[in-house]
Amino acid sequence: MSEATANGGVLSRLLPFRWISGFQDDYERVMVHEWSPYLGAILLVIVTSALMVSGLFWGVFGGLKLWGDYFNNFIGLGSLLGIKENLDNPLMHRISLMNITLLLGAFAAALFSRQFRLSRPPKLEYIWGAVGGTLMGVGAALAGGCTTGGFFTPLTFGSPVGWTMWVGLLAGAFIGLKALLWTMEHITWGTVAPKRGPESALKPYYPLFGLVVLAALLYWAGSWFTSEDTKLGNRAIIVLGGFALGFVLHRSRFCFSRVFREPFMTGEGTMTKAMILALALGIPIGSLLLQHNTVDPYLAIPAAFWLGSVIGGLIFGIGMVFAGGCASGSLWRMGEGHIKLMVAVFFFGWAGSVFNGIVGRWGLLSREPSLVNFNVEVTKVGTQAYLPDIFGGWSWVYVLSFAILGIWYLLVRYNESTEKFTVL
């Protein structure tokens, strides 16, 4: 009998009918066994497209930075960094709310699959989590977003800033892996994992706790959706969308860090090909929605093309290798109980807030209207670039996007067969 089946015996005790074993098998296939990354990619596009239909978009960094702003105000650094005292309510801030509900979605999925567990890493991993989170915060501030808001979402919104960050992320993942390999060969302190404790006696009942989390979230979303306050109605969509994102990411183990890291580390390219599929679906769907004016594209395009996105992507790529996860990947793994990723997320938000405040003093990221197009913002590290405006339509956007996706796919398949680009 498998561990999952043994832990699932609570269902048999609650409903001791002959057919319960078949139901339990179906439950295990859906809620316990890992989903295909390709299914995760398809569901990811469905959820993000639903957000676009509602005039919203997926992001992570803005919410983490808000949490960092709160912390800096709490420890007295806010005034030095130019952070305002009256910050947005974390439950009303769109990206912060999406992060919170994404975390809840991953937590519920971990409970349903009985995979929730507080995991303590070796001591050195705490340092790498802090270092990686700090680098991700700095990189995201420069790029105007993380792998979500600086890479994936801009591409589905027709911006080349996603491709320039893609270049930086690839270079950063390669450099980060080389650096991490050096540390593995030269640093021996703190590399022994602590002894794993016993399984929780409540583990067989985790699915019931997951049902409680799901029911509470549905009640939360329903109460806001039926409210007379239109802002709360809009936020109810975010509650559902964020929860769905966290659930899908956990069940499919979908992680942007693995997209860029795995081909260099092991030569394995399944997660990368799943990302290529997500973009191959998301770009044309996004273009159709944008052409029907469901959402303003400039709301989701950072003013970082091209310098900020390349340098920011490079720094972020190094950081996500040391942290062991990207922004969204760190959040959903937090929901699973990984303490190292909790450390990484804390330093991500804090460093993003501190660095944003420091460079804000220099005016590096200050946004001003473009002299050519007053709808476009520019900074010292880049501009908001929207390919349909640049090319005068979507035809060449499709050509450019699918050409890059095709080249990326061929390189990944070649590397899977030859391991030419691996660093281990």
Protein backbone atom coordinates (compact mmCIF):
# COMPACT_ATOMS: atom_id res chain seq x y z
CA MET A 1 0.00 0.00 0.00
CA SER A 2 1.37 3.44 -0.95
CA GLU A 3 2.00 6.10 1.69
CA ALA A 4 -0.61 8.34 0.05
CA THR A 5 -3.18 5.53 0.14
CA ALA A 6 -2.39 4.76 3.76
CA ASN A 7 -2.71 8.40 4.74
CA GLY A 8 -5.94 8.63 2.79
CA GLY A 9 -7.53 5.88 4.88
CA VAL A 10 -9.46 8.52 6.79
CA LEU A 11 -11.85 8.68 3.85
CA SER A 12 -12.51 4.97 4.15
CA ARG A 13 -13.21 5.33 7.86
CA LEU A 14 -15.59 8.23 7.28
CA LEU A 15 -17.38 6.57 4.33
CA PRO A 16 -16.99 2.80 4.68
CA PHE A 17 -18.68 1.87 1.41
CA ARG A 18 -17.35 -0.54 -1.16
CA TRP A 19 -17.12 2.12 -3.86
CA ILE A 20 -14.97 4.40 -1.70
CA SER A 21 -11.76 2.72 -2.90
CA GLY A 22 -12.49 3.79 -6.48
CA PHE A 23 -13.24 7.33 -5.36
CA GLN A 24 -10.03 7.32 -3.34
CA ASP A 25 -8.03 6.21 -6.38
CA ASP A 26 -9.48 9.08 -8.42
CA TYR A 27 -8.69 11.49 -5.62
CA GLU A 28 -5.09 10.30 -5.53
CA ARG A 29 -4.69 10.76 -9.29
CA VAL A 30 -6.03 14.32 -9.20
CA MET A 31 -4.96 15.66 -5.81
CA VAL A 32 -1.87 13.66 -4.86
CA HIS A 33 -0.01 12.62 -7.98
CA GLU A 34 1.91 15.40 -9.71
CA TRP A 35 0.23 17.02 -12.71
CA SER A 36 2.02 17.33 -16.02
CA PRO A 37 3.86 20.65 -16.45
CA TYR A 38 2.13 20.93 -19.84
CA LEU A 39 -1.28 20.75 -18.15
CA GLY A 40 -0.03 23.33 -15.68
CA ALA A 41 1.03 25.60 -18.57
CA ILE A 42 -2.41 25.34 -20.21
CA LEU A 43 -4.26 26.03 -16.96
CA LEU A 44 -1.89 28.91 -16.21
CA VAL A 45 -2.82 30.54 -19.52
CA ILE A 46 -6.53 29.99 -18.85
CA VAL A 47 -6.34 31.70 -15.45
CA THR A 48 -4.20 34.63 -16.63
CA SER A 49 -6.46 35.09 -19.65
CA ALA A 50 -9.49 35.19 -17.34
CA LEU A 51 -7.75 37.92 -15.37
CA MET A 52 -7.16 39.86 -18.59
CA VAL A 53 -10.84 39.54 -19.52
CA SER A 54 -11.59 41.18 -16.16
CA GLY A 55 -9.15 44.02 -16.89
CA LEU A 56 -6.46 42.57 -14.60
CA PHE A 57 -3.03 40.98 -14.99
CA TRP A 58 -0.71 38.66 -13.07
CA GLY A 59 2.17 40.13 -11.12
CA VAL A 60 4.13 39.30 -7.96
CA PHE A 61 6.89 41.84 -7.27
CA GLY A 62 4.63 44.83 -6.61
CA GLY A 63 2.96 42.98 -3.76
CA LEU A 64 6.23 41.77 -2.23
CA LYS A 65 7.65 45.28 -2.45
CA LEU A 66 4.60 46.59 -0.59
CA TRP A 67 5.29 44.08 2.19
CA GLY A 68 8.89 45.29 2.23
CA ASP A 69 7.69 48.90 2.45
CA TYR A 70 5.61 48.02 5.50
CA PHE A 71 8.63 46.38 7.13
CA ASN A 72 10.90 49.35 6.40
CA ASN A 73 8.35 51.73 7.91
CA PHE A 74 8.12 49.43 10.96
CA ILE A 75 11.90 49.49 11.58
CA GLY A 76 12.18 53.22 10.89
CA LEU A 77 13.82 53.19 7.46
CA GLY A 78 10.77 54.36 5.56
CA SER A 79 11.48 58.09 5.82
CA LEU A 80 15.10 57.60 4.73
CA LEU A 81 13.96 55.64 1.68
CA GLY A 82 11.17 58.02 0.76
CA ILE A 83 8.41 55.49 1.49
CA LYS A 84 5.05 57.07 2.20
CA GLU A 85 3.52 56.50 5.63
CA ASN A 86 0.01 55.64 4.49
CA LEU A 87 0.58 52.54 2.40
CA ASP A 88 -2.12 50.60 0.58
CA ASN A 89 -3.99 47.96 2.54
CA PRO A 90 -2.33 44.63 1.60
CA LEU A 91 -5.80 43.14 1.03
CA MET A 92 -6.80 46.00 -1.29
CA HIS A 93 -3.54 46.27 -3.24
CA ARG A 94 -4.12 44.16 -6.36
CA ILE A 95 -0.77 42.41 -6.54
CA SER A 96 -0.42 41.95 -2.78
CA LEU A 97 -3.87 40.36 -2.64
CA MET A 98 -2.96 38.11 -5.55
CA ASN A 99 0.19 37.00 -3.70
CA ILE A 100 -1.74 36.27 -0.51
CA THR A 101 -4.36 34.21 -2.29
CA LEU A 102 -1.72 32.45 -4.43
CA LEU A 103 -0.05 31.41 -1.18
CA LEU A 104 -3.41 30.17 0.14
CA GLY A 105 -4.02 28.24 -3.08
CA ALA A 106 -0.67 26.49 -2.78
CA PHE A 107 -1.30 25.82 0.92
CA ALA A 108 -4.67 24.25 0.14
CA ALA A 109 -3.13 22.13 -2.63
CA ALA A 110 -0.40 20.97 -0.25
CA LEU A 111 -3.05 19.99 2.28
CA PHE A 112 -5.17 18.15 -0.28
CA SER A 113 -2.09 16.22 -1.46
CA ARG A 114 -0.85 15.69 2.13
CA GLN A 115 2.45 17.28 1.11
CA PHE A 116 2.47 20.15 3.59
CA ARG A 117 5.44 19.93 5.91
CA LEU A 118 7.70 22.49 7.55
CA SER A 119 11.02 21.68 5.88
CA ARG A 120 14.21 22.88 7.55
CA PRO A 121 17.18 23.14 5.18
CA PRO A 122 20.90 22.93 6.04
CA LYS A 123 22.20 26.09 7.72
CA LEU A 124 24.04 27.26 4.60
CA GLU A 125 20.77 27.23 2.67
CA TYR A 126 19.39 29.99 4.90
CA ILE A 127 22.26 32.19 3.75
CA TRP A 128 21.67 31.29 0.13
CA GLY A 129 17.97 32.05 0.60
CA ALA A 130 18.82 35.50 1.95
CA VAL A 131 21.42 36.18 -0.77
CA GLY A 132 19.17 34.89 -3.52
CA GLY A 133 16.15 36.81 -2.26
CA THR A 134 18.18 40.03 -2.04
CA LEU A 135 19.46 39.66 -5.61
CA MET A 136 15.94 38.91 -6.86
CA GLY A 137 14.64 42.05 -5.14
CA VAL A 138 17.34 44.21 -6.75
CA GLY A 139 16.85 42.58 -10.16
CA ALA A 140 13.07 42.90 -10.06
CA ALA A 141 13.32 46.59 -9.11
CA LEU A 142 15.55 47.27 -12.13
CA ALA A 143 13.47 45.17 -14.53
CA GLY A 144 10.16 46.49 -13.25
CA GLY A 145 9.05 42.98 -12.33
CA CYS A 146 10.13 39.41 -11.65
CA THR A 147 9.84 36.39 -13.94
CA THR A 148 6.09 37.01 -13.83
CA GLY A 149 5.71 40.77 -14.19
CA GLY A 150 8.96 41.37 -16.08
CA PHE A 151 9.00 38.34 -18.37
CA PHE A 152 5.80 36.29 -18.74
CA THR A 153 3.08 38.94 -18.45
CA PRO A 154 4.78 41.54 -20.70
CA LEU A 155 5.14 38.92 -23.44
CA THR A 156 1.43 38.10 -23.33
CA PHE A 157 0.83 41.86 -23.44
CA GLY A 158 2.92 42.33 -26.60
CA SER A 159 6.00 43.95 -25.10
CA PRO A 160 9.62 43.17 -26.05
CA VAL A 161 10.68 43.93 -22.48
CA GLY A 162 9.85 40.28 -21.76
CA TRP A 163 12.34 39.08 -24.36
CA THR A 164 15.13 41.36 -23.12
CA MET A 165 14.57 40.10 -19.58
CA TRP A 166 14.60 36.57 -21.04
CA VAL A 167 18.15 37.22 -22.29
CA GLY A 168 19.20 38.44 -18.84
CA LEU A 169 17.52 35.50 -17.09
CA LEU A 170 19.30 32.96 -19.30
CA ALA A 171 22.67 34.58 -18.64
CA GLY A 172 21.92 34.92 -14.94
CA ALA A 173 20.87 31.28 -14.57
CA PHE A 174 24.10 30.15 -16.26
CA ILE A 175 26.31 32.40 -14.12
CA GLY A 176 24.35 31.54 -10.99
CA LEU A 177 24.80 27.82 -11.53
CA LYS A 178 28.54 28.22 -12.11
CA ALA A 179 28.80 30.25 -8.90
CA LEU A 180 26.68 27.79 -6.94
CA LEU A 181 28.80 24.90 -8.22
CA TRP A 182 31.92 26.71 -6.98
CA THR A 183 30.40 27.12 -3.53
CA MET A 184 29.50 23.42 -3.42
CA GLU A 185 33.14 22.55 -4.12
CA HIS A 186 34.69 25.03 -1.68
CA ILE A 187 32.24 25.53 1.20
CA THR A 188 31.52 22.65 3.55
CA TRP A 189 30.07 24.52 6.54
CA GLY A 190 26.36 24.14 7.13
CA THR A 191 25.71 21.63 4.38
CA VAL A 192 24.32 18.83 6.57
CA ALA A 193 20.53 18.75 6.63
CA PRO A 194 18.91 18.66 10.08
CA LYS A 195 17.32 15.43 11.16
CA ARG A 196 13.84 15.07 9.81
CA GLY A 197 11.17 14.93 12.48
CA PRO A 198 8.28 12.48 12.65
CA GLU A 199 5.22 12.84 10.46
CA SER A 200 2.37 14.85 11.93
CA ALA A 201 -0.38 12.76 13.47
CA LEU A 202 -2.83 15.08 11.67
CA LYS A 203 -1.49 14.28 8.21
CA PRO A 204 -4.35 11.87 7.29
CA TYR A 205 -6.77 14.74 8.00
CA TYR A 206 -4.96 17.33 5.86
CA PRO A 207 -7.51 17.02 3.01
CA LEU A 208 -10.26 18.00 5.45
CA PHE A 209 -8.24 21.07 6.46
CA GLY A 210 -7.81 21.81 2.75
CA LEU A 211 -11.59 21.76 2.36
CA VAL A 212 -11.87 24.27 5.19
CA VAL A 213 -9.37 26.60 3.48
CA LEU A 214 -11.21 26.26 0.16
CA ALA A 215 -14.61 26.87 1.75
CA ALA A 216 -13.32 29.92 3.64
CA LEU A 217 -11.83 31.37 0.46
CA LEU A 218 -15.02 30.82 -1.53
CA TYR A 219 -17.00 32.52 1.24
CA TRP A 220 -14.51 35.41 1.20
CA ALA A 221 -14.75 35.82 -2.57
CA GLY A 222 -18.54 35.45 -2.54
CA SER A 223 -19.05 38.07 0.18
CA TRP A 224 -16.90 40.56 -1.71
CA PHE A 225 -18.45 39.75 -5.09
CA THR A 226 -21.98 40.37 -3.79
CA SER A 227 -20.95 43.56 -2.01
CA GLU A 228 -22.32 46.90 -3.21
CA ASP A 229 -18.73 48.17 -3.25
CA THR A 230 -17.54 47.77 -6.88
CA LYS A 231 -13.91 47.76 -5.74
CA LEU A 232 -14.56 44.74 -3.53
CA GLY A 233 -16.32 43.05 -6.44
CA ASN A 234 -13.21 43.54 -8.55
CA ARG A 235 -10.99 42.23 -5.75
CA ALA A 236 -13.16 39.10 -5.48
CA ILE A 237 -11.97 38.12 -8.96
CA ILE A 238 -8.38 38.51 -7.77
CA VAL A 239 -9.10 36.30 -4.76
CA LEU A 240 -10.33 33.50 -7.03
CA GLY A 241 -7.64 34.05 -9.67
CA GLY A 242 -4.78 34.14 -7.18
CA PHE A 243 -6.02 31.01 -5.42
CA ALA A 244 -6.32 29.18 -8.76
CA LEU A 245 -2.78 30.23 -9.72
CA GLY A 246 -1.34 28.92 -6.47
CA PHE A 247 -3.26 25.66 -6.74
CA VAL A 248 -2.17 25.05 -10.35
CA LEU A 249 1.45 26.01 -9.71
CA HIS A 250 1.70 23.62 -6.78
CA ARG A 251 -0.04 20.66 -8.42
CA SER A 252 2.04 20.94 -11.61
CA ARG A 253 5.23 21.99 -9.75
CA PHE A 254 5.45 24.79 -12.32
CA CYS A 255 8.42 27.02 -11.54
CA PHE A 256 9.99 29.74 -13.68
CA SER A 257 13.32 29.13 -11.98
CA ARG A 258 13.36 25.56 -13.31
CA VAL A 259 12.50 26.87 -16.78
CA PHE A 260 15.83 28.69 -16.97
CA ARG A 261 17.91 26.55 -14.60
CA GLU A 262 17.23 22.93 -15.55
CA PRO A 263 18.67 22.93 -19.11
CA PHE A 264 21.97 24.27 -17.75
CA MET A 265 21.96 22.06 -14.67
CA THR A 266 20.82 18.65 -15.91
CA GLY A 267 19.96 19.10 -19.57
CA GLU A 268 16.32 18.27 -18.78
CA GLY A 269 13.95 20.57 -20.64
CA THR A 270 10.40 19.53 -19.78
CA MET A 271 9.63 22.63 -17.71
CA THR A 272 11.19 24.86 -20.36
CA LYS A 273 9.07 23.29 -23.08
CA ALA A 274 6.01 23.76 -20.89
CA MET A 275 6.85 27.46 -20.66
CA ILE A 276 7.25 27.64 -24.44
CA LEU A 277 3.79 26.07 -24.74
CA ALA A 278 2.35 28.60 -22.27
CA LEU A 279 3.76 31.50 -24.29
CA ALA A 280 2.71 29.95 -27.61
CA LEU A 281 -0.85 29.93 -26.28
CA GLY A 282 -0.72 33.07 -24.17
CA ILE A 283 0.66 35.47 -26.77
CA PRO A 284 -2.10 35.03 -29.40
CA ILE A 285 -4.84 34.83 -26.75
CA GLY A 286 -3.47 37.95 -25.10
CA SER A 287 -3.34 39.76 -28.44
CA LEU A 288 -7.00 38.99 -29.13
CA LEU A 289 -8.03 40.28 -25.73
CA LEU A 290 -5.91 43.42 -26.09
CA GLN A 291 -7.42 44.10 -29.50
CA HIS A 292 -10.83 44.00 -27.84
CA ASN A 293 -9.62 46.53 -25.24
CA THR A 294 -10.24 44.30 -22.22
CA VAL A 295 -7.27 45.86 -20.43
CA ASP A 296 -4.82 48.72 -20.98
CA PRO A 297 -1.54 47.07 -22.09
CA TYR A 298 0.58 49.83 -20.59
CA LEU A 299 -0.66 48.90 -17.09
CA ALA A 300 1.37 45.68 -17.28
CA ILE A 301 4.42 46.84 -19.24
CA PRO A 302 7.35 48.04 -17.09
CA ALA A 303 9.36 51.05 -18.23
CA ALA A 304 12.54 48.96 -18.49
CA PHE A 305 13.18 48.28 -22.19
CA TRP A 306 15.88 47.43 -22.69
CA LEU A 307 18.71 48.19 -20.25
CA GLY A 308 16.78 47.70 -17.02
CA SER A 309 15.25 44.42 -18.11
CA VAL A 310 18.57 42.92 -19.28
CA ILE A 311 20.58 43.93 -16.20
CA GLY A 312 17.67 43.25 -13.88
CA GLY A 313 17.09 39.86 -15.48
CA LEU A 314 20.79 38.98 -15.10
CA ILE A 315 20.80 39.84 -11.38
CA PHE A 316 17.44 38.16 -10.84
CA GLY A 317 18.60 35.02 -12.66
CA ILE A 318 21.62 34.64 -10.37
CA GLY A 319 19.44 35.24 -7.33
CA MET A 320 16.76 32.70 -8.21
CA VAL A 321 19.40 29.97 -8.60
CA PHE A 322 20.74 30.60 -5.09
CA ALA A 323 17.26 31.02 -3.62
CA GLY A 324 16.02 27.82 -5.25
CA GLY A 325 12.93 29.48 -6.70
CA CYS A 326 11.64 32.53 -8.54
CA ALA A 327 9.01 34.89 -7.13
CA SER A 328 5.87 32.83 -7.77
CA GLY A 329 7.81 29.59 -7.25
CA SER A 330 9.02 30.78 -3.86
CA LEU A 331 5.48 31.72 -2.85
CA TRP A 332 3.90 28.40 -3.73
CA ARG A 333 6.73 26.49 -2.08
CA MET A 334 6.20 28.64 1.02
CA GLY A 335 2.66 27.31 0.99
CA GLU A 336 4.15 23.82 1.04
CA GLY A 337 6.18 24.64 4.15
CA HIS A 338 9.71 25.31 2.83
CA ILE A 339 11.43 27.56 5.38
CA LYS A 340 14.31 28.48 3.04
CA LEU A 341 11.83 29.97 0.59
CA MET A 342 10.19 31.92 3.42
CA VAL A 343 13.60 33.49 4.05
CA ALA A 344 14.04 34.17 0.32
CA VAL A 345 10.63 35.86 0.04
CA PHE A 346 11.31 38.04 3.08
CA PHE A 347 14.62 39.29 1.69
CA PHE A 348 13.10 39.60 -1.79
CA GLY A 349 10.45 42.03 -0.57
CA TRP A 350 12.77 43.87 1.79
CA ALA A 351 15.61 44.27 -0.71
CA GLY A 352 13.19 45.31 -3.44
CA SER A 353 11.81 48.03 -1.18
CA VAL A 354 15.26 49.22 -0.01
CA PHE A 355 16.81 49.24 -3.49
CA ASN A 356 13.77 50.94 -5.01
CA GLY A 357 14.04 53.64 -2.35
CA ILE A 358 17.79 54.13 -2.83
CA VAL A 359 17.68 54.44 -6.61
CA GLY A 360 14.58 56.56 -6.23
CA ARG A 361 16.80 59.14 -4.56
CA TRP A 362 18.94 59.11 -7.70
CA GLY A 363 15.93 59.35 -9.99
CA LEU A 364 17.00 56.14 -11.73
CA LEU A 365 13.51 54.65 -11.80
CA SER A 366 11.53 57.90 -11.79
CA ARG A 367 8.92 57.75 -14.51
CA GLU A 368 8.18 60.63 -16.87
CA PRO A 369 5.93 60.82 -19.95
CA SER A 370 7.60 60.18 -23.27
CA LEU A 371 8.15 63.20 -25.47
CA VAL A 372 7.04 61.12 -28.47
CA ASN A 373 4.02 59.30 -27.03
CA PHE A 374 2.46 60.78 -23.90
CA ASN A 375 0.90 57.41 -23.03
CA VAL A 376 4.36 55.88 -22.65
CA GLU A 377 6.52 56.23 -19.55
CA VAL A 378 10.31 56.36 -19.64
CA THR A 379 13.03 56.03 -17.03
CA LYS A 380 16.81 56.15 -17.09
CA VAL A 381 16.90 52.35 -17.52
CA GLY A 382 14.32 52.01 -20.26
CA THR A 383 10.91 52.73 -21.68
CA GLN A 384 7.54 51.10 -22.04
CA ALA A 385 7.72 49.35 -25.41
CA TYR A 386 4.56 47.96 -27.04
CA LEU A 387 5.28 45.97 -30.18
CA PRO A 388 1.91 46.54 -31.94
CA ASP A 389 2.60 50.29 -31.77
CA ILE A 390 6.18 49.80 -32.95
CA PHE A 391 5.26 47.47 -35.85
CA GLY A 392 1.93 49.08 -36.66
CA GLY A 393 -0.03 45.90 -35.93
CA TRP A 394 0.17 42.36 -34.61
CA SER A 395 1.43 40.46 -37.67
CA TRP A 396 5.12 41.06 -37.06
CA VAL A 397 4.61 40.54 -33.33
CA TYR A 398 3.52 36.98 -34.09
CA VAL A 399 6.44 36.46 -36.48
CA LEU A 400 9.03 37.70 -33.98
CA SER A 401 7.52 35.91 -30.98
CA PHE A 402 7.11 32.52 -32.63
CA ALA A 403 10.53 32.74 -34.26
CA ILE A 404 12.15 33.20 -30.84
CA LEU A 405 9.98 30.46 -29.31
CA GLY A 406 10.93 28.12 -32.15
CA ILE A 407 14.65 28.78 -31.73
CA TRP A 408 14.34 28.34 -27.97
CA TYR A 409 12.55 25.00 -28.44
CA LEU A 410 15.18 23.72 -30.89
CA LEU A 411 18.02 24.66 -28.55
CA VAL A 412 16.30 22.95 -25.62
CA ARG A 413 15.68 19.76 -27.61
CA TYR A 414 19.27 19.78 -28.87
CA ASN A 415 20.55 20.20 -25.33
CA GLU A 416 18.36 17.37 -24.07
CA SER A 417 20.07 15.04 -26.56
CA THR A 418 23.62 16.33 -26.23
CA GLU A 419 23.87 18.18 -22.89
CA LYS A 420 26.07 20.72 -24.68
CA PHE A 421 24.96 23.61 -22.50
CA THR A 422 25.05 21.92 -19.10
CA VAL A 423 27.49 23.23 -16.50
CA LEU A 424 27.52 20.23 -14.13
